[in-house]
C-alpha atoms as a PDB file:
ATOM      1  CA  MET A   1     -29.616 -17.309 -16.782  1.00  0.00           C
ATOM      2  CA  LYS A   2     -26.352 -18.528 -15.257  1.00  0.00           C
ATOM      3  CA  ASN A   3     -24.612 -18.093 -18.617  1.00  0.00           C
ATOM      4  CA  MET A   4     -25.655 -14.442 -18.744  1.00  0.00           C
ATOM      5  CA  LYS A   5     -24.308 -13.885 -15.233  1.00  0.00           C
ATOM      6  CA  LEU A   6     -21.008 -15.499 -16.223  1.00  0.00           C
ATOM      7  CA  PHE A   7     -20.868 -13.386 -19.385  1.00  0.00           C
ATOM      8  CA  ASN A   8     -21.573 -10.212 -17.407  1.00  0.00           C
ATOM      9  CA  GLU A   9     -18.845 -11.090 -14.896  1.00  0.00           C
ATOM     10  CA  PHE A  10     -16.400 -11.707 -17.752  1.00  0.00           C
ATOM     11  CA  LYS A  11     -17.383  -8.413 -19.403  1.00  0.00           C
ATOM     12  CA  GLU A  12     -16.853  -6.578 -16.100  1.00  0.00           C
ATOM     13  CA  PHE A  13     -13.445  -8.270 -15.700  1.00  0.00           C
ATOM     14  CA  ALA A  14     -12.408  -7.328 -19.249  1.00  0.00           C
ATOM     15  CA  VAL A  15     -13.667  -3.755 -19.003  1.00  0.00           C
ATOM     16  CA  LYS A  16     -11.899  -3.103 -15.686  1.00  0.00           C
ATOM     17  CA  GLY A  17      -8.615  -3.389 -17.508  1.00  0.00           C
ATOM     18  CA  ASN A  18      -7.232  -6.528 -15.892  1.00  0.00           C
ATOM     19  CA  MET A  19      -7.444  -8.530 -19.089  1.00  0.00           C
ATOM     20  CA  MET A  20      -6.124  -5.680 -21.239  1.00  0.00           C
ATOM     21  CA  ASP A  21      -3.195  -5.105 -18.872  1.00  0.00           C
ATOM     22  CA  MET A  22      -2.408  -8.805 -18.973  1.00  0.00           C
ATOM     23  CA  ALA A  23      -2.631  -8.950 -22.791  1.00  0.00           C
ATOM     24  CA  ILE A  24      -0.382  -5.917 -23.172  1.00  0.00           C
ATOM     25  CA  GLY A  25       2.111  -7.434 -20.729  1.00  0.00           C
ATOM     26  CA  ILE A  26       2.188 -10.715 -22.656  1.00  0.00           C
ATOM     27  CA  ILE A  27       2.673  -8.956 -26.012  1.00  0.00           C
ATOM     28  CA  ILE A  28       5.446  -6.734 -24.682  1.00  0.00           C
ATOM     29  CA  GLY A  29       7.020  -9.740 -22.940  1.00  0.00           C
ATOM     30  CA  ALA A  30       7.082 -11.724 -26.188  1.00  0.00           C
ATOM     31  CA  SER A  31       8.689  -8.817 -28.041  1.00  0.00           C
ATOM     32  CA  PHE A  32      11.139  -8.248 -25.219  1.00  0.00           C
ATOM     33  CA  ASN A  33      12.043 -11.946 -25.328  1.00  0.00           C
ATOM     34  CA  LYS A  34      13.072 -11.610 -28.985  1.00  0.00           C
ATOM     35  CA  VAL A  35      15.271  -8.609 -28.216  1.00  0.00           C
ATOM     36  CA  ILE A  36      16.930 -10.352 -25.269  1.00  0.00           C
ATOM     37  CA  ASP A  37      17.439 -13.534 -27.320  1.00  0.00           C
ATOM     38  CA  VAL A  38      19.300 -11.596 -30.029  1.00  0.00           C
ATOM     39  CA  LEU A  39      21.264  -9.664 -27.395  1.00  0.00           C
ATOM     40  CA  VAL A  40      22.406 -12.879 -25.732  1.00  0.00           C
ATOM     41  CA  LYS A  41      23.036 -15.031 -28.827  1.00  0.00           C
ATOM     42  CA  LYS A  42      24.423 -12.431 -31.254  1.00  0.00           C
ATOM     43  CA  VAL A  43      25.993  -9.737 -29.066  1.00  0.00           C
ATOM     44  CA  LEU A  44      27.142 -11.180 -25.746  1.00  0.00           C
ATOM     45  CA  MET A  45      27.882 -14.850 -26.503  1.00  0.00           C
ATOM     46  CA  PRO A  46      30.428 -14.282 -29.353  1.00  0.00           C
ATOM     47  CA  PRO A  47      32.855 -12.345 -27.111  1.00  0.00           C
ATOM     48  CA  LEU A  48      32.355 -14.956 -24.373  1.00  0.00           C
ATOM     49  CA  SER A  49      33.193 -17.729 -26.842  1.00  0.00           C
ATOM     50  CA  LEU A  50      36.388 -15.838 -27.794  1.00  0.00           C
ATOM     51  CA  MET A  51      37.360 -15.752 -24.139  1.00  0.00           C
ATOM     52  CA  THR A  52      36.820 -19.513 -23.898  1.00  0.00           C
ATOM     53  CA  ASP A  53      38.848 -20.129 -27.077  1.00  0.00           C
ATOM     54  CA  GLY A  54      35.818 -21.021 -29.216  1.00  0.00           C
ATOM     55  CA  VAL A  55      34.542 -23.815 -26.969  1.00  0.00           C
ATOM     56  CA  ASN A  56      30.989 -24.778 -27.936  1.00  0.00           C
ATOM     57  CA  LEU A  57      29.159 -25.440 -24.682  1.00  0.00           C
ATOM     58  CA  GLN A  58      26.223 -27.143 -26.445  1.00  0.00           C
ATOM     59  CA  SER A  59      28.427 -30.097 -27.418  1.00  0.00           C
ATOM     60  CA  LYS A  60      29.795 -30.697 -23.907  1.00  0.00           C
ATOM     61  CA  ARG A  61      28.358 -33.836 -22.347  1.00  0.00           C
ATOM     62  CA  ILE A  62      29.168 -36.843 -20.214  1.00  0.00           C
ATOM     63  CA  VAL A  63      28.542 -40.029 -22.183  1.00  0.00           C
ATOM     64  CA  LEU A  64      26.999 -42.730 -20.027  1.00  0.00           C
ATOM     65  CA  ARG A  65      26.567 -45.245 -22.835  1.00  0.00           C
ATOM     66  CA  GLU A  66      28.038 -45.084 -26.338  1.00  0.00           C
ATOM     67  CA  ALA A  67      25.752 -45.546 -29.316  1.00  0.00           C
ATOM     68  CA  VAL A  68      25.773 -49.034 -30.818  1.00  0.00           C
ATOM     69  CA  LEU A  69      25.763 -49.254 -34.625  1.00  0.00           C
ATOM     70  CA  ASN A  70      25.049 -52.287 -36.805  1.00  0.00           C
ATOM     71  CA  ALA A  71      27.135 -53.272 -39.860  1.00  0.00           C
ATOM     72  CA  ASP A  72      25.251 -50.804 -42.080  1.00  0.00           C
ATOM     73  CA  GLY A  73      26.001 -47.897 -39.730  1.00  0.00           C
ATOM     74  CA  ALA A  74      22.400 -47.594 -38.498  1.00  0.00           C
ATOM     75  CA  ILE A  75      21.908 -46.892 -34.810  1.00  0.00           C
ATOM     76  CA  VAL A  76      20.837 -50.005 -32.897  1.00  0.00           C
ATOM     77  CA  THR A  77      21.058 -48.445 -29.421  1.00  0.00           C
ATOM     78  CA  SER A  78      21.176 -44.680 -29.060  1.00  0.00           C
ATOM     79  CA  GLU A  79      23.732 -42.858 -26.978  1.00  0.00           C
ATOM     80  CA  ALA A  80      22.847 -41.950 -23.383  1.00  0.00           C
ATOM     81  CA  ALA A  81      24.556 -38.755 -22.261  1.00  0.00           C
ATOM     82  CA  ILE A  82      24.184 -35.939 -19.743  1.00  0.00           C
ATOM     83  CA  GLY A  83      24.253 -32.640 -21.637  1.00  0.00           C
ATOM     84  CA  TYR A  84      25.847 -30.403 -19.026  1.00  0.00           C
ATOM     85  CA  GLY A  85      27.011 -27.970 -21.717  1.00  0.00           C
ATOM     86  CA  ALA A  86      23.450 -27.114 -22.737  1.00  0.00           C
ATOM     87  CA  LEU A  87      22.619 -26.556 -19.076  1.00  0.00           C
ATOM     88  CA  SER A  88      25.666 -24.301 -18.677  1.00  0.00           C
ATOM     89  CA  GLU A  89      24.683 -22.260 -21.720  1.00  0.00           C
ATOM     90  CA  ALA A  90      21.088 -21.954 -20.491  1.00  0.00           C
ATOM     91  CA  PHE A  91      22.387 -20.807 -17.087  1.00  0.00           C
ATOM     92  CA  ILE A  92      24.619 -18.173 -18.710  1.00  0.00           C
ATOM     93  CA  ASP A  93      21.645 -17.014 -20.798  1.00  0.00           C
ATOM     94  CA  PHE A  94      19.554 -16.805 -17.624  1.00  0.00           C
ATOM     95  CA  LEU A  95      22.173 -14.682 -15.852  1.00  0.00           C
ATOM     96  CA  ILE A  96      22.521 -12.319 -18.805  1.00  0.00           C
ATOM     97  CA  ILE A  97      18.745 -12.009 -19.211  1.00  0.00           C
ATOM     98  CA  GLY A  98      18.276 -11.483 -15.471  1.00  0.00           C
ATOM     99  CA  PHE A  99      20.918  -8.763 -15.388  1.00  0.00           C
ATOM    100  CA  THR A 100      19.441  -7.057 -18.469  1.00  0.00           C
ATOM    101  CA  VAL A 101      15.942  -7.080 -16.958  1.00  0.00           C
ATOM    102  CA  PHE A 102      17.381  -5.710 -13.700  1.00  0.00           C
ATOM    103  CA  ILE A 103      19.020  -2.795 -15.543  1.00  0.00           C
ATOM    104  CA  ILE A 104      15.838  -2.014 -17.492  1.00  0.00           C
ATOM    105  CA  VAL A 105      13.628  -2.143 -14.383  1.00  0.00           C
ATOM    106  CA  LYS A 106      16.109   0.062 -12.522  1.00  0.00           C
ATOM    107  CA  PHE A 107      15.981   2.603 -15.373  1.00  0.00           C
ATOM    108  CA  MET A 108      12.154   2.474 -15.516  1.00  0.00           C
ATOM    109  CA  ASN A 109      11.897   2.953 -11.742  1.00  0.00           C
ATOM    110  CA  ARG A 110      14.165   5.988 -11.971  1.00  0.00           C
ATOM    111  CA  LEU A 111      11.866   7.499 -14.619  1.00  0.00           C
ATOM    112  CA  LYS A 112       8.772   6.605 -12.569  1.00  0.00           C
ATOM    113  CA  ASN A 113      10.209   8.153  -9.398  1.00  0.00           C
ATOM    114  CA  LYS A 114      11.137  11.276 -11.334  1.00  0.00           C
ATOM    115  CA  ALA A 115       7.598  11.534 -12.723  1.00  0.00           C
ATOM    116  CA  GLN A 116       6.071  11.101  -9.249  1.00  0.00           C
ATOM    117  CA  ASP A 117       8.130  13.966  -7.791  1.00  0.00           C
ATOM    118  CA  THR A 118       5.752  16.928  -7.934  1.00  0.00           C
ATOM    119  CA  LYS A 119       8.583  19.410  -7.419  1.00  0.00           C
ATOM    120  CA  ASP A 120      10.486  18.186 -10.514  1.00  0.00           C
ATOM    121  CA  VAL A 121       9.268  20.311 -13.425  1.00  0.00           C
ATOM    122  CA  THR A 122      11.358  18.529 -16.095  1.00  0.00           C
ATOM    123  CA  VAL A 123       8.871  15.635 -16.259  1.00  0.00           C
ATOM    124  CA  ALA A 124       5.071  15.814 -16.329  1.00  0.00           C
ATOM    125  CA  THR A 125       3.615  14.513 -13.064  1.00  0.00           C
ATOM    126  CA  PRO A 126       0.605  12.177 -13.419  1.00  0.00           C
ATOM    127  CA  LYS A 127      -2.657  13.903 -12.505  1.00  0.00           C
ATOM    128  CA  ASP A 128      -3.485  11.541  -9.611  1.00  0.00           C
ATOM    129  CA  ILE A 129      -0.078  12.109  -7.993  1.00  0.00           C
ATOM    130  CA  GLU A 130      -0.432  15.857  -8.457  1.00  0.00           C
ATOM    131  CA  LEU A 131      -3.911  15.872  -6.866  1.00  0.00           C
ATOM    132  CA  LEU A 132      -2.757  13.744  -3.910  1.00  0.00           C
ATOM    133  CA  SER A 133       0.200  16.058  -3.391  1.00  0.00           C
ATOM    134  CA  ASN A 134      -2.082  19.105  -3.398  1.00  0.00           C
ATOM    135  CA  LEU A 135      -4.430  17.377  -0.943  1.00  0.00           C
ATOM    136  CA  LYS A 136      -1.509  16.557   1.346  1.00  0.00           C
ATOM    137  CA  GLU A 137      -0.314  20.185   1.280  1.00  0.00           C
ATOM    138  CA  LEU A 138      -3.828  21.448   2.082  1.00  0.00           C
ATOM    139  CA  MET A 139      -4.159  19.005   4.993  1.00  0.00           C
ATOM    140  CA  GLU A 140      -0.778  20.061   6.389  1.00  0.00           C
ATOM    141  CA  GLU A 141      -1.788  23.723   6.098  1.00  0.00           C
ATOM    142  CA  GLN A 142      -5.109  23.011   7.835  1.00  0.00           C
ATOM    143  CA  ASN A 143      -3.364  21.116  10.653  1.00  0.00           C
ATOM    144  CA  THR A 144      -0.971  24.018  11.162  1.00  0.00           C
ATOM    145  CA  LEU A 145      -3.856  26.485  11.370  1.00  0.00           C
ATOM    146  CA  LEU A 146      -5.704  24.278  13.869  1.00  0.00           C
ATOM    147  CA  LYS A 147      -2.636  23.942  16.084  1.00  0.00           C
ATOM    148  CA  ASN A 148      -2.123  27.714  16.182  1.00  0.00           C
ATOM    149  CA  LYS A 149      -5.674  28.375  17.472  1.00  0.00           C
END
């Protein structure tokens, strides 16, 4: 009996759209991640590396302890190092990704605001916004009529 209630609650949750919205967001996010990764690694980082004279940030580190090798050249004690270059590169990636997401969200908000403007005929206004706008106009008209009585 409790299992059926749990199943019904899950079905209600899934049907309401919450789960579908989340799944769509995750899928789009994964695809967007691939695009941003290529943008950062293949488009933006090469010019940045030219500006830094080909310095590879990944290899930059502070060695705390050198590796110890035996007579055969096998590692006895591994190197201990702080990889600040990898952190720097990850930080640069983060800044580029953050800026790219900011630009895309700004563009999407501009389109959304344009679509929500009922007076702008170049873009189709969503039906709910159109109905609310009509309701608002009717209420304002009714208030004006009541004030004039």
